[in-house]
């Protein structure tokens, strides 16, 4: 199955399970930012302080669509992304490998976004001022898995 069909099937499967309000293009943005959620939760627990960074991820994803979305809808889109991040946090064991495998497939199709994924990984690891050893280990594992 080619990457396009694979990603479409994955989106359909995810949408059925999560009841996401994201469209396919927005879902692909969630896919690209997903590793940041793994970095934030590298210690296996997202506490109140780290949840602020999850909210930053949602805002950053919504901002990707700022030019094409009326400003009144950006806040709503951020809330949709945040709902998906909450869903993924709650169901991480079920979705972690599926998201990583799908992202790997997406990167094979569009290698030009590898730098964006790397930037996102380090941006959120450094957001707290100092990346922990757990976060750095998680980044390395993700990079190895994705081949970036």
N, C-alpha and C. Protein backbone atom coordinates (compact mmCIF):
# COMPACT_ATOMS: atom_id res chain seq x y z
N UNK A 1 0.85 -1.17 0.00
CA UNK A 1 0.00 0.00 0.00
C UNK A 1 0.89 1.24 0.00
N UNK A 2 0.59 2.19 -0.89
CA UNK A 2 1.41 3.40 -0.94
C UNK A 2 1.13 4.28 0.29
N UNK A 3 2.02 5.23 0.51
CA UNK A 3 1.94 6.07 1.71
C UNK A 3 0.63 6.84 1.78
N UNK A 4 0.18 7.34 0.66
CA UNK A 4 -1.05 8.15 0.64
C UNK A 4 -2.25 7.33 1.13
N UNK A 5 -2.40 6.13 0.59
CA UNK A 5 -3.50 5.25 1.01
C UNK A 5 -3.32 4.81 2.46
N UNK A 6 -2.10 4.49 2.83
CA UNK A 6 -1.81 4.08 4.21
C UNK A 6 -2.23 5.17 5.19
N UNK A 7 -1.83 6.41 4.90
CA UNK A 7 -2.16 7.51 5.80
C UNK A 7 -3.66 7.79 5.84
N UNK A 8 -4.32 7.66 4.70
CA UNK A 8 -5.77 7.84 4.67
C UNK A 8 -6.46 6.78 5.52
N UNK A 9 -6.03 5.52 5.37
CA UNK A 9 -6.62 4.44 6.17
C UNK A 9 -6.36 4.64 7.66
N UNK A 10 -5.16 5.09 7.99
CA UNK A 10 -4.83 5.35 9.39
C UNK A 10 -5.70 6.48 9.94
N UNK A 11 -5.88 7.53 9.16
CA UNK A 11 -6.74 8.64 9.58
C UNK A 11 -8.17 8.15 9.82
N UNK A 12 -8.70 7.36 8.93
CA UNK A 12 -10.06 6.82 9.09
C UNK A 12 -10.16 6.00 10.37
N UNK A 13 -9.17 5.17 10.61
CA UNK A 13 -9.15 4.33 11.82
C UNK A 13 -9.08 5.20 13.08
N UNK A 14 -8.20 6.19 13.06
CA UNK A 14 -8.05 7.08 14.21
C UNK A 14 -9.34 7.88 14.45
N UNK A 15 -9.90 8.40 13.38
CA UNK A 15 -11.13 9.20 13.50
C UNK A 15 -12.26 8.38 14.11
N UNK A 16 -12.37 7.12 13.72
CA UNK A 16 -13.42 6.26 14.26
C UNK A 16 -13.23 6.03 15.76
N UNK A 17 -12.00 5.89 16.19
CA UNK A 17 -11.72 5.62 17.60
C UNK A 17 -11.76 6.88 18.47
N UNK A 18 -11.28 7.98 17.93
CA UNK A 18 -11.12 9.19 18.75
C UNK A 18 -12.26 10.19 18.60
N UNK A 19 -13.03 10.06 17.53
CA UNK A 19 -14.08 11.03 17.20
C UNK A 19 -13.49 12.43 17.00
N UNK A 20 -12.29 12.46 16.45
CA UNK A 20 -11.61 13.73 16.19
C UNK A 20 -12.45 14.63 15.30
N UNK A 21 -12.26 15.92 15.49
CA UNK A 21 -12.93 16.91 14.65
C UNK A 21 -11.96 17.49 13.62
N UNK A 22 -10.76 16.91 13.57
CA UNK A 22 -9.75 17.37 12.62
C UNK A 22 -10.04 16.81 11.24
N UNK A 23 -9.69 17.59 10.21
CA UNK A 23 -9.76 17.05 8.86
C UNK A 23 -8.42 16.34 8.57
N UNK A 24 -8.29 15.77 7.40
CA UNK A 24 -7.10 14.97 7.10
C UNK A 24 -5.82 15.82 7.14
N UNK A 25 -5.87 17.01 6.59
CA UNK A 25 -4.68 17.87 6.59
C UNK A 25 -4.28 18.25 8.02
N UNK A 26 -5.25 18.56 8.84
CA UNK A 26 -4.97 18.87 10.25
C UNK A 26 -4.44 17.64 10.98
N UNK A 27 -4.98 16.48 10.63
CA UNK A 27 -4.50 15.23 11.23
C UNK A 27 -3.03 15.00 10.89
N UNK A 28 -2.63 15.32 9.67
CA UNK A 28 -1.22 15.15 9.30
C UNK A 28 -0.32 16.08 10.13
N UNK A 29 -0.83 17.24 10.49
CA UNK A 29 -0.09 18.14 11.38
C UNK A 29 0.03 17.49 12.75
N UNK A 30 -1.04 16.89 13.24
CA UNK A 30 -0.99 16.17 14.52
C UNK A 30 0.05 15.06 14.44
N UNK A 31 0.10 14.37 13.34
CA UNK A 31 1.06 13.30 13.14
C UNK A 31 2.50 13.81 13.25
N UNK A 32 2.78 14.95 12.63
CA UNK A 32 4.12 15.54 12.65
C UNK A 32 4.50 16.00 14.06
N UNK A 33 3.55 16.52 14.80
CA UNK A 33 3.81 17.03 16.15
C UNK A 33 3.74 15.93 17.21
N UNK A 34 3.22 14.77 16.88
CA UNK A 34 3.04 13.70 17.86
C UNK A 34 4.31 13.37 18.66
N UNK A 35 5.48 13.29 18.05
CA UNK A 35 6.67 12.97 18.84
C UNK A 35 6.94 13.96 19.99
N UNK A 36 6.51 15.21 19.83
CA UNK A 36 6.69 16.18 20.92
C UNK A 36 5.91 15.73 22.16
N UNK A 37 4.77 15.13 21.97
CA UNK A 37 3.98 14.62 23.09
C UNK A 37 4.74 13.50 23.81
N UNK A 38 5.44 12.69 23.04
CA UNK A 38 6.26 11.62 23.64
C UNK A 38 7.42 12.21 24.44
N UNK A 39 8.01 13.28 23.94
CA UNK A 39 9.13 13.91 24.65
C UNK A 39 8.63 14.53 25.95
N UNK A 40 7.51 15.24 25.89
CA UNK A 40 6.97 15.86 27.10
C UNK A 40 6.63 14.79 28.14
N UNK A 41 6.13 13.66 27.70
CA UNK A 41 5.78 12.58 28.61
C UNK A 41 6.88 11.54 28.77
N UNK A 42 8.12 11.93 28.52
CA UNK A 42 9.24 10.98 28.55
C UNK A 42 9.40 10.29 29.90
N UNK A 43 8.96 10.94 30.96
CA UNK A 43 9.06 10.32 32.29
C UNK A 43 7.82 9.48 32.61
N UNK A 44 7.04 9.19 31.57
CA UNK A 44 5.83 8.35 31.67
C UNK A 44 4.67 9.04 32.39
N UNK A 45 4.81 10.34 32.65
CA UNK A 45 3.76 11.05 33.37
C UNK A 45 3.77 12.50 32.91
N UNK A 46 2.63 13.00 32.53
CA UNK A 46 2.53 14.42 32.18
C UNK A 46 1.85 15.11 33.35
N UNK A 47 2.65 15.86 34.09
CA UNK A 47 2.12 16.56 35.27
C UNK A 47 1.55 17.92 34.87
N UNK A 48 1.08 18.68 35.86
CA UNK A 48 0.45 19.97 35.59
C UNK A 48 1.38 20.92 34.84
N UNK A 49 2.62 20.99 35.27
CA UNK A 49 3.59 21.88 34.63
C UNK A 49 3.81 21.47 33.17
N UNK A 50 3.95 20.17 32.95
CA UNK A 50 4.17 19.68 31.58
C UNK A 50 2.91 19.86 30.72
N UNK A 51 1.74 19.86 31.35
CA UNK A 51 0.51 20.02 30.58
C UNK A 51 0.48 21.39 29.88
N UNK A 52 1.14 22.37 30.46
CA UNK A 52 1.26 23.68 29.82
C UNK A 52 1.91 23.52 28.45
N UNK A 53 2.92 22.64 28.37
CA UNK A 53 3.61 22.42 27.09
C UNK A 53 2.73 21.66 26.10
N UNK A 54 1.86 20.82 26.60
CA UNK A 54 0.89 20.14 25.73
C UNK A 54 -0.02 21.21 25.10
N UNK A 55 -0.42 22.19 25.90
CA UNK A 55 -1.24 23.28 25.38
C UNK A 55 -0.46 24.09 24.34
N UNK A 56 0.84 24.26 24.55
CA UNK A 56 1.68 24.94 23.56
C UNK A 56 1.71 24.16 22.25
N UNK A 57 1.76 22.84 22.35
CA UNK A 57 1.74 22.01 21.13
C UNK A 57 0.44 22.27 20.36
N UNK A 58 -0.68 22.28 21.09
CA UNK A 58 -1.98 22.52 20.44
C UNK A 58 -1.99 23.88 19.75
N UNK A 59 -1.46 24.90 20.41
CA UNK A 59 -1.40 26.24 19.82
C UNK A 59 -0.50 26.25 18.59
N UNK A 60 0.66 25.60 18.70
CA UNK A 60 1.59 25.57 17.57
C UNK A 60 0.96 24.87 16.36
N UNK A 61 0.22 23.80 16.61
CA UNK A 61 -0.44 23.10 15.50
C UNK A 61 -1.51 23.98 14.86
N UNK A 62 -2.30 24.65 15.68
CA UNK A 62 -3.34 25.54 15.15
C UNK A 62 -2.71 26.68 14.35
N UNK A 63 -1.58 27.19 14.83
CA UNK A 63 -0.91 28.29 14.14
C UNK A 63 -0.44 27.92 12.73
N UNK A 64 -0.24 26.63 12.48
CA UNK A 64 0.13 26.18 11.14
C UNK A 64 -0.95 26.60 10.13
N UNK A 65 -2.18 26.71 10.60
CA UNK A 65 -3.32 27.02 9.73
C UNK A 65 -3.77 28.47 9.83
N UNK A 66 -2.97 29.31 10.48
CA UNK A 66 -3.35 30.70 10.74
C UNK A 66 -3.67 31.47 9.45
N UNK A 67 -2.89 31.30 8.42
CA UNK A 67 -3.09 32.06 7.19
C UNK A 67 -4.39 31.71 6.47
N UNK A 68 -4.80 30.45 6.58
CA UNK A 68 -5.99 30.02 5.84
C UNK A 68 -7.24 29.91 6.70
N UNK A 69 -7.13 30.21 8.00
CA UNK A 69 -8.25 30.06 8.92
C UNK A 69 -8.58 31.41 9.54
N UNK A 70 -9.84 31.82 9.53
CA UNK A 70 -10.19 33.07 10.21
C UNK A 70 -9.75 33.03 11.68
N UNK A 71 -9.28 34.17 12.18
CA UNK A 71 -8.72 34.19 13.54
C UNK A 71 -9.71 33.72 14.59
N UNK A 72 -10.98 33.94 14.36
CA UNK A 72 -11.97 33.47 15.33
C UNK A 72 -11.99 31.95 15.43
N UNK A 73 -11.60 31.29 14.35
CA UNK A 73 -11.62 29.82 14.33
C UNK A 73 -10.32 29.19 14.80
N UNK A 74 -9.25 29.98 14.91
CA UNK A 74 -7.96 29.44 15.35
C UNK A 74 -8.06 28.90 16.78
N UNK A 75 -8.74 29.63 17.65
CA UNK A 75 -8.90 29.18 19.04
C UNK A 75 -9.68 27.87 19.09
N UNK A 76 -10.71 27.78 18.26
CA UNK A 76 -11.49 26.54 18.19
C UNK A 76 -10.64 25.39 17.67
N UNK A 77 -9.82 25.66 16.66
CA UNK A 77 -8.93 24.63 16.12
C UNK A 77 -7.93 24.19 17.18
N UNK A 78 -7.40 25.14 17.93
CA UNK A 78 -6.49 24.80 19.04
C UNK A 78 -7.18 23.86 20.02
N UNK A 79 -8.44 24.11 20.33
CA UNK A 79 -9.19 23.25 21.26
C UNK A 79 -9.39 21.85 20.66
N UNK A 80 -9.59 21.78 19.35
CA UNK A 80 -9.72 20.47 18.70
C UNK A 80 -8.40 19.69 18.80
N UNK A 81 -7.29 20.40 18.54
CA UNK A 81 -5.98 19.75 18.67
C UNK A 81 -5.75 19.31 20.11
N UNK A 82 -6.11 20.15 21.06
CA UNK A 82 -5.92 19.82 22.47
C UNK A 82 -6.74 18.59 22.85
N UNK A 83 -7.95 18.49 22.33
CA UNK A 83 -8.79 17.31 22.60
C UNK A 83 -8.11 16.05 22.08
N UNK A 84 -7.50 16.14 20.90
CA UNK A 84 -6.80 14.98 20.35
C UNK A 84 -5.56 14.63 21.18
N UNK A 85 -4.85 15.64 21.63
CA UNK A 85 -3.67 15.39 22.48
C UNK A 85 -4.09 14.72 23.79
N UNK A 86 -5.21 15.15 24.34
CA UNK A 86 -5.72 14.51 25.57
C UNK A 86 -6.08 13.05 25.29
N UNK A 87 -6.76 12.82 24.16
CA UNK A 87 -7.12 11.46 23.78
C UNK A 87 -5.87 10.60 23.66
N UNK A 88 -4.87 11.12 22.97
CA UNK A 88 -3.64 10.34 22.77
C UNK A 88 -2.90 10.11 24.08
N UNK A 89 -2.90 11.09 24.96
CA UNK A 89 -2.26 10.92 26.26
C UNK A 89 -2.95 9.80 27.04
N UNK A 90 -4.25 9.79 26.98
CA UNK A 90 -5.03 8.77 27.71
C UNK A 90 -4.87 7.38 27.09
N UNK A 91 -4.69 7.33 25.78
CA UNK A 91 -4.62 6.05 25.06
C UNK A 91 -3.25 5.84 24.42
N UNK A 92 -2.21 6.32 25.07
CA UNK A 92 -0.87 6.31 24.49
C UNK A 92 -0.40 4.91 24.10
N UNK A 93 -0.60 3.93 24.95
CA UNK A 93 -0.12 2.57 24.65
C UNK A 93 -0.74 2.03 23.37
N UNK A 94 -1.98 2.34 23.15
CA UNK A 94 -2.69 1.84 21.97
C UNK A 94 -2.22 2.54 20.69
N UNK A 95 -1.86 3.82 20.77
CA UNK A 95 -1.61 4.61 19.57
C UNK A 95 -0.16 4.96 19.30
N UNK A 96 0.71 4.82 20.28
CA UNK A 96 2.10 5.27 20.14
C UNK A 96 2.78 4.68 18.90
N UNK A 97 2.83 3.37 18.81
CA UNK A 97 3.54 2.74 17.68
C UNK A 97 2.81 2.98 16.36
N UNK A 98 1.50 3.03 16.39
CA UNK A 98 0.75 3.29 15.16
C UNK A 98 1.06 4.69 14.62
N UNK A 99 1.16 5.67 15.53
CA UNK A 99 1.50 7.02 15.10
C UNK A 99 2.94 7.08 14.60
N UNK A 100 3.85 6.45 15.30
CA UNK A 100 5.24 6.48 14.87
C UNK A 100 5.43 5.77 13.53
N UNK A 101 4.77 4.62 13.36
CA UNK A 101 4.87 3.91 12.08
C UNK A 101 4.28 4.75 10.95
N UNK A 102 3.18 5.42 11.22
CA UNK A 102 2.54 6.25 10.20
C UNK A 102 3.40 7.47 9.88
N UNK A 103 4.01 8.05 10.90
CA UNK A 103 4.90 9.18 10.67
C UNK A 103 6.11 8.75 9.85
N UNK A 104 6.62 7.58 10.14
CA UNK A 104 7.75 7.06 9.36
C UNK A 104 7.36 6.92 7.89
N UNK A 105 6.18 6.39 7.65
CA UNK A 105 5.68 6.24 6.29
C UNK A 105 5.52 7.61 5.62
N UNK A 106 5.02 8.57 6.37
CA UNK A 106 4.83 9.93 5.86
C UNK A 106 6.18 10.57 5.51
N UNK A 107 7.18 10.35 6.35
CA UNK A 107 8.52 10.89 6.11
C UNK A 107 9.18 10.24 4.90
N UNK A 108 8.88 8.97 4.66
CA UNK A 108 9.41 8.30 3.46
C UNK A 108 8.83 8.95 2.20
N UNK A 109 7.56 9.35 2.29
CA UNK A 109 6.89 9.99 1.17
C UNK A 109 7.32 11.45 1.02
N UNK A 110 7.56 12.11 2.15
CA UNK A 110 7.88 13.54 2.15
C UNK A 110 9.09 13.80 3.05
N UNK A 111 10.27 13.39 2.64
CA UNK A 111 11.45 13.53 3.50
C UNK A 111 11.78 14.97 3.86
N UNK A 112 11.26 15.91 3.11
CA UNK A 112 11.54 17.33 3.38
C UNK A 112 11.01 17.79 4.73
N UNK A 113 10.05 17.08 5.31
CA UNK A 113 9.53 17.51 6.61
C UNK A 113 10.30 16.92 7.78
N UNK A 114 11.34 16.13 7.50
CA UNK A 114 12.15 15.56 8.58
C UNK A 114 12.72 16.64 9.49
N UNK A 115 13.19 17.72 8.89
CA UNK A 115 13.75 18.82 9.69
C UNK A 115 12.70 19.43 10.60
N UNK A 116 11.48 19.52 10.12
CA UNK A 116 10.39 20.06 10.94
C UNK A 116 10.14 19.15 12.15
N UNK A 117 10.15 17.85 11.93
CA UNK A 117 9.95 16.91 13.03
C UNK A 117 11.08 17.05 14.06
N UNK A 118 12.30 17.15 13.58
CA UNK A 118 13.46 17.31 14.48
C UNK A 118 13.33 18.62 15.26
N UNK A 119 12.96 19.70 14.57
CA UNK A 119 12.80 20.99 15.25
C UNK A 119 11.75 20.91 16.35
N UNK A 120 10.63 20.25 16.05
CA UNK A 120 9.55 20.11 17.04
C UNK A 120 10.04 19.31 18.24
N UNK A 121 10.77 18.24 17.99
CA UNK A 121 11.29 17.41 19.10
C UNK A 121 12.12 18.25 20.07
N UNK A 122 13.07 18.99 19.52
CA UNK A 122 13.98 19.75 20.37
C UNK A 122 13.33 20.99 20.95
N UNK A 123 12.41 21.59 20.22
CA UNK A 123 11.73 22.78 20.72
C UNK A 123 11.01 22.47 22.03
N UNK A 124 10.28 21.39 22.06
CA UNK A 124 9.52 21.08 23.26
C UNK A 124 10.37 20.43 24.35
N UNK A 125 11.48 19.82 23.98
CA UNK A 125 12.41 19.31 25.00
C UNK A 125 13.09 20.47 25.70
N UNK A 126 13.42 21.52 24.93
CA UNK A 126 14.12 22.68 25.49
C UNK A 126 13.17 23.69 26.12
N UNK A 127 11.88 23.51 25.94
CA UNK A 127 10.90 24.49 26.40
C UNK A 127 10.98 24.73 27.91
N UNK A 128 11.31 23.71 28.66
CA UNK A 128 11.38 23.86 30.12
C UNK A 128 12.70 24.49 30.56
N UNK A 129 13.54 24.80 29.61
CA UNK A 129 14.81 25.45 29.94
C UNK A 129 15.98 24.50 29.94
N UNK A 130 15.72 23.21 30.13
CA UNK A 130 16.80 22.24 30.16
C UNK A 130 16.22 20.85 29.89
N UNK A 131 16.62 20.26 28.79
CA UNK A 131 16.11 18.93 28.44
C UNK A 131 16.68 17.90 29.41
N UNK A 132 15.80 17.07 29.93
CA UNK A 132 16.22 16.02 30.87
C UNK A 132 16.86 14.86 30.12
N UNK A 133 17.52 13.99 30.85
CA UNK A 133 18.14 12.82 30.23
C UNK A 133 17.07 11.90 29.64
N UNK A 134 15.89 11.83 30.31
CA UNK A 134 14.79 11.02 29.77
C UNK A 134 14.30 11.58 28.43
N UNK A 135 14.19 12.92 28.37
CA UNK A 135 13.75 13.54 27.13
C UNK A 135 14.76 13.32 26.01
N UNK A 136 16.03 13.47 26.31
CA UNK A 136 17.06 13.26 25.29
C UNK A 136 17.08 11.81 24.82
N UNK A 137 16.89 10.88 25.75
CA UNK A 137 16.82 9.46 25.39
C UNK A 137 15.61 9.20 24.48
N UNK A 138 14.48 9.79 24.82
CA UNK A 138 13.27 9.62 24.01
C UNK A 138 13.48 10.20 22.61
N UNK A 139 14.10 11.37 22.53
CA UNK A 139 14.39 11.99 21.22
C UNK A 139 15.25 11.06 20.38
N UNK A 140 16.29 10.52 21.00
CA UNK A 140 17.19 9.62 20.26
C UNK A 140 16.46 8.38 19.77
N UNK A 141 15.60 7.81 20.61
CA UNK A 141 14.83 6.63 20.20
C UNK A 141 13.90 6.96 19.03
N UNK A 142 13.25 8.10 19.10
CA UNK A 142 12.34 8.51 18.04
C UNK A 142 13.10 8.74 16.74
N UNK A 143 14.22 9.44 16.83
CA UNK A 143 15.02 9.71 15.63
C UNK A 143 15.52 8.40 14.99
N UNK A 144 15.95 7.46 15.82
CA UNK A 144 16.41 6.18 15.28
C UNK A 144 15.26 5.43 14.61
N UNK A 145 14.12 5.39 15.27
CA UNK A 145 12.97 4.69 14.71
C UNK A 145 12.55 5.30 13.37
N UNK A 146 12.51 6.64 13.33
CA UNK A 146 12.08 7.33 12.11
C UNK A 146 13.16 7.42 11.05
N UNK A 147 14.41 7.16 11.45
CA UNK A 147 15.51 7.26 10.52
C UNK A 147 15.86 8.69 10.14
N UNK A 148 15.73 9.59 11.11
CA UNK A 148 16.04 11.01 10.84
C UNK A 148 17.15 11.51 11.76
